[in-house]
Amino acid sequence: MTSLQNQVAIVTGGARGLGAAIAKVLSTRGAAVLICDVLKAEGEATAAELKAAGGDATFVSLDVTDPADWQKVALGATAWRGKVTTLINNAGIVNRSGITGTTAERWNRILAVNLTGPFLGMQAISPLIRDAGGGAIVNISSVAAFVGHNDPGYSSTKAGLLGLTHTAAAEYVDWKIRVNAVCPGIMVSDLNAGGAHLEPWRLATPLGRYGKLEETAKVVAFLASDDASFVTGEEIAVDGGFKSGGAARRISLESGIDLTAGPA
């Protein structure tokens, strides 16, 4: 199992859903975890759960769109464990509206959380990682970055996050900071529970099931670890094959094509 001993990790959006799953996996593998979120009660409960399981965790309130809040987190993390080695930019929101139905206010809000938030986080935290001798940043994007998703704000910010990841990987290499992105496919979480798109998306996923939050969290843990010491500037899809051929496979199956048959 990937070891994260001696790491101090900041996880944004860590109160629930995928963020909480990431915090738990990092904690289980030995990292001290600073859970950051606007959801105070849920964040404190998640931190308490990790501590009850023998982990080292605490909660700090953070609005990722506020530079002043990021500076408070940077100071608090340094005071808490003396260093930061890892930043997981996970906080995100959805819009659930097409281009025509999206107001400028809603568009700006999703950009602020999903894209400006990670940008501000890297500005505030990367010097701390540098001062710790290097480490890792993992940005949580989505397979929506690669396909014509029916949420232009979400899709655009997740695609933009890949560009930010590539730029940061090049900029921070001399600081010994690796920067990568993880692109989850269909998972059921607090963010999307009850969505009408869930079952059709599952059917279009070659592995034929929803992903588990822990499956994505384990990939994040790998990228945060020394096992990924030669991996930077990459985006890794954790999507059951959806991005690489889900639509084509679904068309083949519904057309009655036997994918295992030999040449006609």
C-alpha atoms as a PDB file:
ATOM      1  CA  MET A   1       0.000   0.000   0.000  1.00  0.00           C
ATOM      2  CA  THR A   2       1.284   3.451  -0.940  1.00  0.00           C
ATOM      3  CA  SER A   3       2.809   5.134   2.103  1.00  0.00           C
ATOM      4  CA  LEU A   4       2.206   8.791   2.863  1.00  0.00           C
ATOM      5  CA  GLN A   5       4.079   8.897   6.159  1.00  0.00           C
ATOM      6  CA  ASN A   6       5.443  12.350   7.056  1.00  0.00           C
ATOM      7  CA  GLN A   7       3.136  14.083   4.577  1.00  0.00           C
ATOM      8  CA  VAL A   8       0.897  16.981   5.545  1.00  0.00           C
ATOM      9  CA  ALA A   9      -1.977  17.312   3.075  1.00  0.00           C
ATOM     10  CA  ILE A  10      -4.579  19.995   2.463  1.00  0.00           C
ATOM     11  CA  VAL A  11      -7.816  18.681   0.933  1.00  0.00           C
ATOM     12  CA  THR A  12     -10.330  21.262  -0.273  1.00  0.00           C
ATOM     13  CA  GLY A  13     -13.974  20.289  -0.387  1.00  0.00           C
ATOM     14  CA  GLY A  14     -12.977  17.627   2.107  1.00  0.00           C
ATOM     15  CA  ALA A  15     -16.112  17.650   4.253  1.00  0.00           C
ATOM     16  CA  ARG A  16     -18.083  15.104   2.259  1.00  0.00           C
ATOM     17  CA  GLY A  17     -18.289  13.138  -0.976  1.00  0.00           C
ATOM     18  CA  LEU A  18     -15.101  12.579  -2.943  1.00  0.00           C
ATOM     19  CA  GLY A  19     -13.163  15.033  -0.794  1.00  0.00           C
ATOM     20  CA  ALA A  20     -13.953  13.096   2.361  1.00  0.00           C
ATOM     21  CA  ALA A  21     -13.011   9.834   0.631  1.00  0.00           C
ATOM     22  CA  ILE A  22      -9.674  11.335  -0.404  1.00  0.00           C
ATOM     23  CA  ALA A  23      -9.047  12.611   3.130  1.00  0.00           C
ATOM     24  CA  LYS A  24      -9.762   9.158   4.545  1.00  0.00           C
ATOM     25  CA  VAL A  25      -7.433   7.344   2.156  1.00  0.00           C
ATOM     26  CA  LEU A  26      -4.626   9.847   2.751  1.00  0.00           C
ATOM     27  CA  SER A  27      -5.112   9.547   6.509  1.00  0.00           C
ATOM     28  CA  THR A  28      -5.180   5.755   6.421  1.00  0.00           C
ATOM     29  CA  ARG A  29      -1.860   5.792   4.591  1.00  0.00           C
ATOM     30  CA  GLY A  30      -0.176   7.986   7.165  1.00  0.00           C
ATOM     31  CA  ALA A  31      -0.658  11.599   6.103  1.00  0.00           C
ATOM     32  CA  ALA A  32      -1.746  14.352   8.448  1.00  0.00           C
ATOM     33  CA  VAL A  33      -4.810  15.832   6.753  1.00  0.00           C
ATOM     34  CA  LEU A  34      -6.135  19.374   6.924  1.00  0.00           C
ATOM     35  CA  ILE A  35      -9.766  19.213   5.779  1.00  0.00           C
ATOM     36  CA  CYS A  36     -10.931  22.490   4.244  1.00  0.00           C
ATOM     37  CA  ASP A  37     -14.505  23.346   3.296  1.00  0.00           C
ATOM     38  CA  VAL A  38     -17.313  25.856   3.711  1.00  0.00           C
ATOM     39  CA  LEU A  39     -19.361  23.077   5.377  1.00  0.00           C
ATOM     40  CA  LYS A  40     -18.226  23.450   8.985  1.00  0.00           C
ATOM     41  CA  ALA A  41     -20.340  20.775  10.710  1.00  0.00           C
ATOM     42  CA  GLU A  42     -19.660  18.128   8.061  1.00  0.00           C
ATOM     43  CA  GLY A  43     -15.951  18.991   7.944  1.00  0.00           C
ATOM     44  CA  GLU A  44     -15.546  18.745  11.700  1.00  0.00           C
ATOM     45  CA  ALA A  45     -17.405  15.425  11.680  1.00  0.00           C
ATOM     46  CA  THR A  46     -15.115  14.013   8.986  1.00  0.00           C
ATOM     47  CA  ALA A  47     -12.018  15.154  10.880  1.00  0.00           C
ATOM     48  CA  ALA A  48     -13.376  13.587  14.073  1.00  0.00           C
ATOM     49  CA  GLU A  49     -14.011  10.323  12.222  1.00  0.00           C
ATOM     50  CA  LEU A  50     -10.423  10.209  10.990  1.00  0.00           C
ATOM     51  CA  LYS A  51      -9.047  10.948  14.444  1.00  0.00           C
ATOM     52  CA  ALA A  52     -11.259   8.259  15.981  1.00  0.00           C
ATOM     53  CA  ALA A  53      -9.735   5.790  13.509  1.00  0.00           C
ATOM     54  CA  GLY A  54      -6.246   6.725  14.684  1.00  0.00           C
ATOM     55  CA  GLY A  55      -5.478   9.353  12.063  1.00  0.00           C
ATOM     56  CA  ASP A  56      -4.123  12.868  12.347  1.00  0.00           C
ATOM     57  CA  ALA A  57      -6.688  15.334  11.019  1.00  0.00           C
ATOM     58  CA  THR A  58      -8.296  18.674  11.686  1.00  0.00           C
ATOM     59  CA  PHE A  59     -10.778  20.984  10.002  1.00  0.00           C
ATOM     60  CA  VAL A  60     -10.385  24.596   8.844  1.00  0.00           C
ATOM     61  CA  SER A  61     -13.084  26.679   7.200  1.00  0.00           C
ATOM     62  CA  LEU A  62     -12.134  27.757   3.681  1.00  0.00           C
ATOM     63  CA  ASP A  63     -13.874  29.591   0.864  1.00  0.00           C
ATOM     64  CA  VAL A  64     -11.602  28.678  -2.060  1.00  0.00           C
ATOM     65  CA  THR A  65     -12.609  31.836  -3.946  1.00  0.00           C
ATOM     66  CA  ASP A  66     -11.222  34.120  -1.217  1.00  0.00           C
ATOM     67  CA  PRO A  67      -7.460  34.879  -1.319  1.00  0.00           C
ATOM     68  CA  ALA A  68      -7.542  36.008   2.314  1.00  0.00           C
ATOM     69  CA  ASP A  69      -9.007  32.678   3.370  1.00  0.00           C
ATOM     70  CA  TRP A  70      -6.203  30.872   1.541  1.00  0.00           C
ATOM     71  CA  GLN A  71      -3.601  32.913   3.415  1.00  0.00           C
ATOM     72  CA  LYS A  72      -5.262  31.958   6.707  1.00  0.00           C
ATOM     73  CA  VAL A  73      -5.128  28.276   5.709  1.00  0.00           C
ATOM     74  CA  ALA A  74      -1.462  28.591   4.758  1.00  0.00           C
ATOM     75  CA  LEU A  75      -0.620  30.128   8.125  1.00  0.00           C
ATOM     76  CA  GLY A  76      -2.811  27.656   9.997  1.00  0.00           C
ATOM     77  CA  ALA A  77      -1.320  24.611   8.293  1.00  0.00           C
ATOM     78  CA  THR A  78       2.202  25.769   9.046  1.00  0.00           C
ATOM     79  CA  ALA A  79       1.311  26.381  12.684  1.00  0.00           C
ATOM     80  CA  TRP A  80      -0.490  23.020  12.908  1.00  0.00           C
ATOM     81  CA  ARG A  81       2.215  20.626  11.650  1.00  0.00           C
ATOM     82  CA  GLY A  82       5.102  22.874  10.635  1.00  0.00           C
ATOM     83  CA  LYS A  83       4.904  22.187   6.913  1.00  0.00           C
ATOM     84  CA  VAL A  84       2.721  21.310   3.936  1.00  0.00           C
ATOM     85  CA  THR A  85       3.750  18.705   1.371  1.00  0.00           C
ATOM     86  CA  THR A  86       0.535  18.065  -0.525  1.00  0.00           C
ATOM     87  CA  LEU A  87      -2.385  20.055  -1.927  1.00  0.00           C
ATOM     88  CA  ILE A  88      -5.513  18.356  -3.250  1.00  0.00           C
ATOM     89  CA  ASN A  89      -7.715  20.843  -5.126  1.00  0.00           C
ATOM     90  CA  ASN A  90     -11.027  19.014  -4.948  1.00  0.00           C
ATOM     91  CA  ALA A  91     -13.650  21.662  -4.124  1.00  0.00           C
ATOM     92  CA  GLY A  92     -16.136  22.092  -6.938  1.00  0.00           C
ATOM     93  CA  ILE A  93     -19.740  22.863  -7.837  1.00  0.00           C
ATOM     94  CA  VAL A  94     -22.054  22.097 -10.762  1.00  0.00           C
ATOM     95  CA  ASN A  95     -24.389  24.358 -12.695  1.00  0.00           C
ATOM     96  CA  ARG A  96     -26.851  21.923 -14.383  1.00  0.00           C
ATOM     97  CA  SER A  97     -27.849  24.397 -17.086  1.00  0.00           C
ATOM     98  CA  GLY A  98     -27.031  24.820 -20.762  1.00  0.00           C
ATOM     99  CA  ILE A  99     -25.412  27.839 -22.383  1.00  0.00           C
ATOM    100  CA  THR A 100     -28.735  29.515 -23.135  1.00  0.00           C
ATOM    101  CA  GLY A 101     -30.037  29.065 -19.611  1.00  0.00           C
ATOM    102  CA  THR A 102     -26.891  30.041 -17.707  1.00  0.00           C
ATOM    103  CA  THR A 103     -26.754  33.569 -16.330  1.00  0.00           C
ATOM    104  CA  ALA A 104     -23.498  35.505 -16.187  1.00  0.00           C
ATOM    105  CA  GLU A 105     -23.721  35.391 -12.387  1.00  0.00           C
ATOM    106  CA  ARG A 106     -23.925  31.583 -12.324  1.00  0.00           C
ATOM    107  CA  TRP A 107     -21.172  31.292 -14.937  1.00  0.00           C
ATOM    108  CA  ASN A 108     -18.852  33.495 -12.899  1.00  0.00           C
ATOM    109  CA  ARG A 109     -19.646  31.582  -9.722  1.00  0.00           C
ATOM    110  CA  ILE A 110     -18.689  28.186 -11.134  1.00  0.00           C
ATOM    111  CA  LEU A 111     -15.503  29.625 -12.626  1.00  0.00           C
ATOM    112  CA  ALA A 112     -14.644  31.160  -9.256  1.00  0.00           C
ATOM    113  CA  VAL A 113     -15.001  27.885  -7.351  1.00  0.00           C
ATOM    114  CA  ASN A 114     -13.818  25.310  -9.887  1.00  0.00           C
ATOM    115  CA  LEU A 115     -10.967  27.151 -11.577  1.00  0.00           C
ATOM    116  CA  THR A 116     -10.001  30.305  -9.697  1.00  0.00           C
ATOM    117  CA  GLY A 117     -10.091  28.321  -6.431  1.00  0.00           C
ATOM    118  CA  PRO A 118      -7.327  25.895  -7.476  1.00  0.00           C
ATOM    119  CA  PHE A 119      -5.353  28.806  -8.955  1.00  0.00           C
ATOM    120  CA  LEU A 120      -5.477  30.698  -5.656  1.00  0.00           C
ATOM    121  CA  GLY A 121      -4.681  27.508  -3.768  1.00  0.00           C
ATOM    122  CA  MET A 122      -1.529  26.903  -5.766  1.00  0.00           C
ATOM    123  CA  GLN A 123      -0.463  30.509  -5.313  1.00  0.00           C
ATOM    124  CA  ALA A 124      -0.851  30.280  -1.539  1.00  0.00           C
ATOM    125  CA  ILE A 125       0.349  26.746  -0.847  1.00  0.00           C
ATOM    126  CA  SER A 126       3.056  25.985  -3.427  1.00  0.00           C
ATOM    127  CA  PRO A 127       5.684  28.084  -1.575  1.00  0.00           C
ATOM    128  CA  LEU A 128       5.015  26.004   1.544  1.00  0.00           C
ATOM    129  CA  ILE A 129       5.492  22.780  -0.408  1.00  0.00           C
ATOM    130  CA  ARG A 130       8.715  24.184  -1.860  1.00  0.00           C
ATOM    131  CA  ASP A 131       9.941  25.059   1.624  1.00  0.00           C
ATOM    132  CA  ALA A 132       9.170  21.499   2.766  1.00  0.00           C
ATOM    133  CA  GLY A 133      11.553  20.186   0.124  1.00  0.00           C
ATOM    134  CA  GLY A 134       8.961  19.458  -2.532  1.00  0.00           C
ATOM    135  CA  GLY A 135       5.802  17.407  -2.831  1.00  0.00           C
ATOM    136  CA  ALA A 136       2.689  17.114  -4.943  1.00  0.00           C
ATOM    137  CA  ILE A 137      -0.414  18.947  -6.094  1.00  0.00           C
ATOM    138  CA  VAL A 138      -3.363  16.958  -7.425  1.00  0.00           C
ATOM    139  CA  ASN A 139      -6.217  18.767  -9.151  1.00  0.00           C
ATOM    140  CA  ILE A 140      -9.569  17.006  -9.403  1.00  0.00           C
ATOM    141  CA  SER A 141     -10.871  17.528 -12.916  1.00  0.00           C
ATOM    142  CA  SER A 142     -13.455  15.293 -14.653  1.00  0.00           C
ATOM    143  CA  VAL A 143     -14.048  13.316 -17.839  1.00  0.00           C
ATOM    144  CA  ALA A 144     -16.443  16.186 -18.571  1.00  0.00           C
ATOM    145  CA  ALA A 145     -13.269  18.024 -19.622  1.00  0.00           C
ATOM    146  CA  PHE A 146     -13.027  15.766 -22.677  1.00  0.00           C
ATOM    147  CA  VAL A 147     -16.620  15.400 -23.893  1.00  0.00           C
ATOM    148  CA  GLY A 148     -19.532  17.640 -24.849  1.00  0.00           C
ATOM    149  CA  HIS A 149     -21.046  17.693 -21.400  1.00  0.00           C
ATOM    150  CA  ASN A 150     -24.494  19.260 -20.875  1.00  0.00           C
ATOM    151  CA  ASP A 151     -23.159  21.632 -18.231  1.00  0.00           C
ATOM    152  CA  PRO A 152     -20.971  24.191 -20.016  1.00  0.00           C
ATOM    153  CA  GLY A 153     -19.762  25.844 -16.823  1.00  0.00           C
ATOM    154  CA  TYR A 154     -18.674  22.569 -15.260  1.00  0.00           C
ATOM    155  CA  SER A 155     -17.135  21.193 -18.453  1.00  0.00           C
ATOM    156  CA  SER A 156     -15.284  24.416 -19.217  1.00  0.00           C
ATOM    157  CA  THR A 157     -13.813  24.740 -15.738  1.00  0.00           C
ATOM    158  CA  LYS A 158     -12.717  21.113 -15.670  1.00  0.00           C
ATOM    159  CA  ALA A 159     -11.057  21.500 -19.073  1.00  0.00           C
ATOM    160  CA  GLY A 160      -9.448  24.721 -17.879  1.00  0.00           C
ATOM    161  CA  LEU A 161      -8.125  22.911 -14.839  1.00  0.00           C
ATOM    162  CA  LEU A 162      -6.173  20.587 -17.136  1.00  0.00           C
ATOM    163  CA  GLY A 163      -4.499  23.594 -18.768  1.00  0.00           C
ATOM    164  CA  LEU A 164      -3.702  25.001 -15.339  1.00  0.00           C
ATOM    165  CA  THR A 165      -2.254  21.626 -14.320  1.00  0.00           C
ATOM    166  CA  HIS A 166       0.072  21.504 -17.336  1.00  0.00           C
ATOM    167  CA  THR A 167       1.265  25.070 -16.734  1.00  0.00           C
ATOM    168  CA  ALA A 168       1.824  24.502 -13.022  1.00  0.00           C
ATOM    169  CA  ALA A 169       3.736  21.277 -13.650  1.00  0.00           C
ATOM    170  CA  ALA A 170       6.203  23.190 -15.821  1.00  0.00           C
ATOM    171  CA  GLU A 171       6.414  26.196 -13.519  1.00  0.00           C
ATOM    172  CA  TYR A 172       6.945  24.268 -10.297  1.00  0.00           C
ATOM    173  CA  VAL A 173       9.404  21.625 -11.482  1.00  0.00           C
ATOM    174  CA  ASP A 174      12.366  23.539 -10.043  1.00  0.00           C
ATOM    175  CA  TRP A 175      10.568  23.637  -6.702  1.00  0.00           C
ATOM    176  CA  LYS A 176      10.355  19.809  -6.803  1.00  0.00           C
ATOM    177  CA  ILE A 177       6.561  19.958  -6.905  1.00  0.00           C
ATOM    178  CA  ARG A 178       4.772  17.487  -9.153  1.00  0.00           C
ATOM    179  CA  VAL A 179       1.363  18.607 -10.442  1.00  0.00           C
ATOM    180  CA  ASN A 180      -1.164  16.184 -11.910  1.00  0.00           C
ATOM    181  CA  ALA A 181      -4.896  15.956 -12.524  1.00  0.00           C
ATOM    182  CA  VAL A 182      -7.360  13.151 -11.885  1.00  0.00           C
ATOM    183  CA  CYS A 183     -10.461  12.951 -14.070  1.00  0.00           C
ATOM    184  CA  PRO A 184     -13.204  10.859 -12.445  1.00  0.00           C
ATOM    185  CA  GLY A 185     -16.015   9.356 -14.459  1.00  0.00           C
ATOM    186  CA  ILE A 186     -19.453   8.521 -13.134  1.00  0.00           C
ATOM    187  CA  MET A 187     -19.638   8.212  -9.355  1.00  0.00           C
ATOM    188  CA  VAL A 188     -22.566   8.735  -7.031  1.00  0.00           C
ATOM    189  CA  SER A 189     -21.904  11.409  -4.415  1.00  0.00           C
ATOM    190  CA  ASP A 190     -23.587  14.293  -2.615  1.00  0.00           C
ATOM    191  CA  LEU A 191     -22.950  16.455  -5.663  1.00  0.00           C
ATOM    192  CA  ASN A 192     -24.974  14.394  -8.151  1.00  0.00           C
ATOM    193  CA  ALA A 193     -27.206  11.986  -6.193  1.00  0.00           C
ATOM    194  CA  GLY A 194     -30.586  11.552  -7.850  1.00  0.00           C
ATOM    195  CA  GLY A 195     -29.458  12.903 -11.206  1.00  0.00           C
ATOM    196  CA  ALA A 196     -31.331  11.640 -14.257  1.00  0.00           C
ATOM    197  CA  HIS A 197     -28.027  11.218 -16.089  1.00  0.00           C
ATOM    198  CA  LEU A 198     -26.618   8.595 -13.728  1.00  0.00           C
ATOM    199  CA  GLU A 199     -28.098   5.433 -15.219  1.00  0.00           C
ATOM    200  CA  PRO A 200     -27.532   6.370 -18.892  1.00  0.00           C
ATOM    201  CA  TRP A 201     -23.947   7.261 -18.046  1.00  0.00           C
ATOM    202  CA  ARG A 202     -23.446   3.924 -16.302  1.00  0.00           C
ATOM    203  CA  LEU A 203     -24.746   2.122 -19.387  1.00  0.00           C
ATOM    204  CA  ALA A 204     -22.247   4.033 -21.528  1.00  0.00           C
ATOM    205  CA  THR A 205     -19.352   3.065 -19.245  1.00  0.00           C
ATOM    206  CA  PRO A 206     -17.552  -0.031 -20.578  1.00  0.00           C
ATOM    207  CA  LEU A 207     -17.024  -1.496 -17.105  1.00  0.00           C
ATOM    208  CA  GLY A 208     -20.800  -1.275 -16.665  1.00  0.00           C
ATOM    209  CA  ARG A 209     -20.931   0.198 -13.177  1.00  0.00           C
ATOM    210  CA  TYR A 210     -20.517   3.362 -11.162  1.00  0.00           C
ATOM    211  CA  GLY A 211     -17.069   4.141  -9.877  1.00  0.00           C
ATOM    212  CA  LYS A 212     -16.469   4.091  -6.155  1.00  0.00           C
ATOM    213  CA  LEU A 213     -15.245   7.228  -4.435  1.00  0.00           C
ATOM    214  CA  GLU A 214     -12.433   5.197  -2.897  1.00  0.00           C
ATOM    215  CA  GLU A 215     -11.216   4.130  -6.346  1.00  0.00           C
ATOM    216  CA  THR A 216     -10.554   7.718  -7.332  1.00  0.00           C
ATOM    217  CA  ALA A 217      -9.137   8.500  -3.887  1.00  0.00           C
ATOM    218  CA  LYS A 218      -6.569   5.733  -4.260  1.00  0.00           C
ATOM    219  CA  VAL A 219      -5.334   7.173  -7.549  1.00  0.00           C
ATOM    220  CA  VAL A 220      -5.009  10.559  -5.841  1.00  0.00           C
ATOM    221  CA  ALA A 221      -2.995   8.913  -3.060  1.00  0.00           C
ATOM    222  CA  PHE A 222      -0.679   7.335  -5.631  1.00  0.00           C
ATOM    223  CA  LEU A 223      -0.031  10.680  -7.319  1.00  0.00           C
ATOM    224  CA  ALA A 224       0.638  12.260  -3.930  1.00  0.00           C
ATOM    225  CA  SER A 225       3.178   9.586  -3.050  1.00  0.00           C
ATOM    226  CA  ASP A 226       6.812   8.990  -3.917  1.00  0.00           C
ATOM    227  CA  ASP A 227       5.648   6.041  -6.021  1.00  0.00           C
ATOM    228  CA  ALA A 228       4.674   8.680  -8.629  1.00  0.00           C
ATOM    229  CA  SER A 229       8.029  10.466  -8.427  1.00  0.00           C
ATOM    230  CA  PHE A 230       8.425  10.581 -12.236  1.00  0.00           C
ATOM    231  CA  VAL A 231       4.835  11.583 -13.002  1.00  0.00           C
ATOM    232  CA  THR A 232       3.980  15.238 -13.537  1.00  0.00           C
ATOM    233  CA  GLY A 233       1.810  17.264 -15.903  1.00  0.00           C
ATOM    234  CA  GLU A 234      -0.505  14.326 -16.538  1.00  0.00           C
ATOM    235  CA  GLU A 235      -4.259  13.783 -16.428  1.00  0.00           C
ATOM    236  CA  ILE A 236      -5.452  10.341 -15.388  1.00  0.00           C
ATOM    237  CA  ALA A 237      -9.015   9.272 -16.124  1.00  0.00           C
ATOM    238  CA  VAL A 238     -10.648   7.068 -13.492  1.00  0.00           C
ATOM    239  CA  ASP A 239     -13.779   6.404 -15.510  1.00  0.00           C
ATOM    240  CA  GLY A 240     -14.238   2.718 -16.278  1.00  0.00           C
ATOM    241  CA  GLY A 241     -13.225   3.301 -19.902  1.00  0.00           C
ATOM    242  CA  PHE A 242     -15.837   5.963 -20.668  1.00  0.00           C
ATOM    243  CA  LYS A 243     -13.485   8.521 -22.225  1.00  0.00           C
ATOM    244  CA  SER A 244     -11.577   6.047 -24.351  1.00  0.00           C
ATOM    245  CA  GLY A 245     -14.558   4.416 -26.023  1.00  0.00           C
ATOM    246  CA  GLY A 246     -17.750   4.330 -24.037  1.00  0.00           C
ATOM    247  CA  ALA A 247     -19.962   5.891 -26.703  1.00  0.00           C
ATOM    248  CA  ALA A 248     -18.566   3.732 -29.507  1.00  0.00           C
ATOM    249  CA  ARG A 249     -18.998   0.574 -27.437  1.00  0.00           C
ATOM    250  CA  ARG A 250     -22.597   1.481 -26.596  1.00  0.00           C
ATOM    251  CA  ILE A 251     -23.356   2.064 -30.281  1.00  0.00           C
ATOM    252  CA  SER A 252     -21.796  -1.283 -31.195  1.00  0.00           C
ATOM    253  CA  LEU A 253     -23.797  -3.160 -28.588  1.00  0.00           C
ATOM    254  CA  GLU A 254     -27.090  -1.493 -29.518  1.00  0.00           C
ATOM    255  CA  SER A 255     -26.355  -2.200 -33.195  1.00  0.00           C
ATOM    256  CA  GLY A 256     -26.014  -5.920 -32.450  1.00  0.00           C
ATOM    257  CA  ILE A 257     -22.298  -6.066 -33.211  1.00  0.00           C
ATOM    258  CA  ASP A 258     -20.466  -8.919 -31.450  1.00  0.00           C
ATOM    259  CA  LEU A 259     -17.335  -7.248 -30.133  1.00  0.00           C
ATOM    260  CA  THR A 260     -15.642 -10.600 -29.500  1.00  0.00           C
ATOM    261  CA  ALA A 261     -16.267 -12.083 -32.944  1.00  0.00           C
ATOM    262  CA  GLY A 262     -13.535 -12.548 -35.547  1.00  0.00           C
ATOM    263  CA  PRO A 263     -13.523 -11.043 -39.041  1.00  0.00           C
ATOM    264  CA  ALA A 264     -16.696 -11.581 -41.057  1.00  0.00           C
END
